[in-house]
């Protein structure tokens, strides 16, 4: 594990295979103002290491790791779980986004709260 990513960090470029067999490189191909990324199982060791995810006790899969990204792949929030408990709450994500919108932090160049 390379270490947890923190608010304000730039999310590393990762190429993922989608369920339909196509590929996407995140955050490069994310065009929306916000993105929610949830990683659990099916992620390679090198990919999970690049985001600082923890592995289960026998090293067979990563534990839940979730991110909220703003424009340009800037991390607005993250959750690292060491087991099945500790996932993102949709209500909390909505509140974070609403607060950012009200403060005008969703505009380009205004990703990180101070």
C-alpha atoms as a PDB file:
ATOM      1  CA  UNK A   1       0.000   0.000   0.000  1.00  0.00           C
ATOM      2  CA  UNK A   2       1.384   3.399  -1.010  1.00  0.00           C
ATOM      3  CA  UNK A   3      -0.600   5.330   1.573  1.00  0.00           C
ATOM      4  CA  UNK A   4      -4.089   6.709   1.704  1.00  0.00           C
ATOM      5  CA  UNK A   5      -5.103   9.485  -0.636  1.00  0.00           C
ATOM      6  CA  UNK A   6      -6.384  12.575   1.121  1.00  0.00           C
ATOM      7  CA  UNK A   7      -8.692  15.496   0.402  1.00  0.00           C
ATOM      8  CA  UNK A   8      -7.039  17.770  -2.135  1.00  0.00           C
ATOM      9  CA  UNK A   9      -4.861  15.024  -3.646  1.00  0.00           C
ATOM     10  CA  UNK A  10      -5.142  14.290  -7.350  1.00  0.00           C
ATOM     11  CA  UNK A  11      -6.609  10.845  -7.993  1.00  0.00           C
ATOM     12  CA  UNK A  12      -4.102   8.655  -9.874  1.00  0.00           C
ATOM     13  CA  UNK A  13      -4.831   7.558 -13.426  1.00  0.00           C
ATOM     14  CA  UNK A  14      -6.246   4.013 -13.426  1.00  0.00           C
ATOM     15  CA  UNK A  15      -7.534   2.010 -16.400  1.00  0.00           C
ATOM     16  CA  UNK A  16     -10.547  -0.117 -15.430  1.00  0.00           C
ATOM     17  CA  UNK A  17     -12.503  -2.777 -17.288  1.00  0.00           C
ATOM     18  CA  UNK A  18     -16.256  -2.179 -17.203  1.00  0.00           C
ATOM     19  CA  UNK A  19     -18.834  -4.936 -16.893  1.00  0.00           C
ATOM     20  CA  UNK A  20     -19.561  -4.685 -20.635  1.00  0.00           C
ATOM     21  CA  UNK A  21     -15.889  -5.346 -21.457  1.00  0.00           C
ATOM     22  CA  UNK A  22     -15.094  -1.755 -22.422  1.00  0.00           C
ATOM     23  CA  UNK A  23     -12.397   0.223 -20.619  1.00  0.00           C
ATOM     24  CA  UNK A  24     -12.322   3.617 -18.939  1.00  0.00           C
ATOM     25  CA  UNK A  25      -9.381   5.543 -17.576  1.00  0.00           C
ATOM     26  CA  UNK A  26     -10.260   7.445 -14.445  1.00  0.00           C
ATOM     27  CA  UNK A  27     -10.197  10.272 -13.660  1.00  0.00           C
ATOM     28  CA  UNK A  28      -9.182  11.279 -17.221  1.00  0.00           C
ATOM     29  CA  UNK A  29     -12.461  10.192 -18.829  1.00  0.00           C
ATOM     30  CA  UNK A  30     -14.799  11.591 -16.182  1.00  0.00           C
ATOM     31  CA  UNK A  31     -16.496  14.680 -17.561  1.00  0.00           C
ATOM     32  CA  UNK A  32     -19.051  15.336 -14.830  1.00  0.00           C
ATOM     33  CA  UNK A  33     -18.639  17.920 -12.081  1.00  0.00           C
ATOM     34  CA  UNK A  34     -18.527  15.178  -9.432  1.00  0.00           C
ATOM     35  CA  UNK A  35     -17.807  11.459  -9.492  1.00  0.00           C
ATOM     36  CA  UNK A  36     -18.309   8.765  -6.878  1.00  0.00           C
ATOM     37  CA  UNK A  37     -15.856   5.862  -7.152  1.00  0.00           C
ATOM     38  CA  UNK A  38     -16.317   2.639  -5.207  1.00  0.00           C
ATOM     39  CA  UNK A  39     -13.669  -0.075  -5.274  1.00  0.00           C
ATOM     40  CA  UNK A  40     -14.244  -3.549  -3.902  1.00  0.00           C
ATOM     41  CA  UNK A  41     -12.870  -6.823  -5.237  1.00  0.00           C
ATOM     42  CA  UNK A  42     -11.948  -7.162  -8.900  1.00  0.00           C
ATOM     43  CA  UNK A  43      -9.219  -4.528  -8.586  1.00  0.00           C
ATOM     44  CA  UNK A  44      -5.614  -5.504  -9.233  1.00  0.00           C
ATOM     45  CA  UNK A  45      -2.959  -5.264  -6.531  1.00  0.00           C
ATOM     46  CA  UNK A  46      -1.143  -2.476  -8.386  1.00  0.00           C
ATOM     47  CA  UNK A  47      -4.382  -0.512  -8.865  1.00  0.00           C
ATOM     48  CA  UNK A  48      -5.368  -0.876  -5.232  1.00  0.00           C
ATOM     49  CA  UNK A  49      -1.860   0.058  -4.090  1.00  0.00           C
ATOM     50  CA  UNK A  50      -2.032   3.248  -6.146  1.00  0.00           C
ATOM     51  CA  UNK A  51      -5.127   4.353  -4.189  1.00  0.00           C
ATOM     52  CA  UNK A  52      -3.915   3.091  -0.813  1.00  0.00           C
ATOM     53  CA  UNK A  53      -6.606   0.418  -0.389  1.00  0.00           C
ATOM     54  CA  UNK A  54      -6.342  -2.224   2.323  1.00  0.00           C
ATOM     55  CA  UNK A  55      -6.463  -5.942   1.537  1.00  0.00           C
ATOM     56  CA  UNK A  56      -8.435  -8.550   3.444  1.00  0.00           C
ATOM     57  CA  UNK A  57      -6.635 -10.829   5.919  1.00  0.00           C
ATOM     58  CA  UNK A  58      -5.534 -13.404   3.315  1.00  0.00           C
ATOM     59  CA  UNK A  59      -4.790 -10.894   0.533  1.00  0.00           C
ATOM     60  CA  UNK A  60      -7.426 -12.199  -1.878  1.00  0.00           C
ATOM     61  CA  UNK A  61      -9.341  -8.909  -2.383  1.00  0.00           C
ATOM     62  CA  UNK A  62      -9.320  -5.255  -1.389  1.00  0.00           C
ATOM     63  CA  UNK A  63     -11.559  -3.903   1.323  1.00  0.00           C
ATOM     64  CA  UNK A  64     -14.130  -1.234   0.352  1.00  0.00           C
ATOM     65  CA  UNK A  65     -12.464   2.009  -0.698  1.00  0.00           C
ATOM     66  CA  UNK A  66     -14.551   4.950  -1.906  1.00  0.00           C
ATOM     67  CA  UNK A  67     -13.879   8.435  -3.239  1.00  0.00           C
ATOM     68  CA  UNK A  68     -15.744  11.598  -4.138  1.00  0.00           C
ATOM     69  CA  UNK A  69     -13.940  13.412  -6.934  1.00  0.00           C
ATOM     70  CA  UNK A  70     -14.359  16.958  -8.152  1.00  0.00           C
ATOM     71  CA  UNK A  71     -13.293  18.460 -11.455  1.00  0.00           C
ATOM     72  CA  UNK A  72      -9.884  17.393 -12.667  1.00  0.00           C
ATOM     73  CA  UNK A  73      -9.807  14.326 -10.431  1.00  0.00           C
ATOM     74  CA  UNK A  74      -9.290  16.233  -7.186  1.00  0.00           C
ATOM     75  CA  UNK A  75     -10.319  14.168  -4.156  1.00  0.00           C
ATOM     76  CA  UNK A  76     -13.069  15.844  -2.139  1.00  0.00           C
ATOM     77  CA  UNK A  77     -13.536  12.960   0.290  1.00  0.00           C
ATOM     78  CA  UNK A  78     -12.623   9.326   0.813  1.00  0.00           C
ATOM     79  CA  UNK A  79     -13.453   6.348   2.980  1.00  0.00           C
ATOM     80  CA  UNK A  80     -11.128   3.439   3.603  1.00  0.00           C
ATOM     81  CA  UNK A  81     -12.779   0.452   5.270  1.00  0.00           C
ATOM     82  CA  UNK A  82     -11.016  -2.458   6.919  1.00  0.00           C
ATOM     83  CA  UNK A  83     -14.087  -4.675   6.512  1.00  0.00           C
ATOM     84  CA  UNK A  84     -17.715  -4.626   5.396  1.00  0.00           C
ATOM     85  CA  UNK A  85     -18.616  -1.744   7.729  1.00  0.00           C
ATOM     86  CA  UNK A  86     -17.757   1.866   6.960  1.00  0.00           C
ATOM     87  CA  UNK A  87     -19.181   2.630   3.550  1.00  0.00           C
ATOM     88  CA  UNK A  88     -20.214   6.011   2.164  1.00  0.00           C
ATOM     89  CA  UNK A  89     -23.665   7.173   3.112  1.00  0.00           C
ATOM     90  CA  UNK A  90     -25.542   8.628   0.107  1.00  0.00           C
ATOM     91  CA  UNK A  91     -27.140  11.308   2.309  1.00  0.00           C
ATOM     92  CA  UNK A  92     -23.697  12.500   3.444  1.00  0.00           C
ATOM     93  CA  UNK A  93     -22.470  12.653  -0.162  1.00  0.00           C
ATOM     94  CA  UNK A  94     -25.493  14.731  -1.186  1.00  0.00           C
ATOM     95  CA  UNK A  95     -24.943  17.092   1.766  1.00  0.00           C
ATOM     96  CA  UNK A  96     -21.281  17.546   0.819  1.00  0.00           C
ATOM     97  CA  UNK A  97     -22.157  18.334  -2.784  1.00  0.00           C
ATOM     98  CA  UNK A  98     -24.969  20.738  -1.811  1.00  0.00           C
ATOM     99  CA  UNK A  99     -22.649  22.582   0.591  1.00  0.00           C
ATOM    100  CA  UNK A 100     -19.988  22.902  -2.114  1.00  0.00           C
ATOM    101  CA  UNK A 101     -22.556  24.179  -4.610  1.00  0.00           C
ATOM    102  CA  UNK A 102     -23.854  26.771  -2.129  1.00  0.00           C
ATOM    103  CA  UNK A 103     -20.308  28.007  -1.478  1.00  0.00           C
ATOM    104  CA  UNK A 104     -19.555  28.159  -5.200  1.00  0.00           C
ATOM    105  CA  UNK A 105     -16.820  25.540  -4.882  1.00  0.00           C
ATOM    106  CA  UNK A 106     -17.974  23.541  -7.901  1.00  0.00           C
ATOM    107  CA  UNK A 107     -16.570  26.047 -10.375  1.00  0.00           C
ATOM    108  CA  UNK A 108     -13.349  25.122 -12.209  1.00  0.00           C
ATOM    109  CA  UNK A 109     -10.318  25.896 -10.052  1.00  0.00           C
ATOM    110  CA  UNK A 110     -12.384  25.794  -6.860  1.00  0.00           C
ATOM    111  CA  UNK A 111     -12.237  22.102  -5.971  1.00  0.00           C
ATOM    112  CA  UNK A 112     -10.784  21.990  -2.478  1.00  0.00           C
ATOM    113  CA  UNK A 113     -12.479  23.463   0.573  1.00  0.00           C
ATOM    114  CA  UNK A 114     -10.232  25.560   2.778  1.00  0.00           C
END
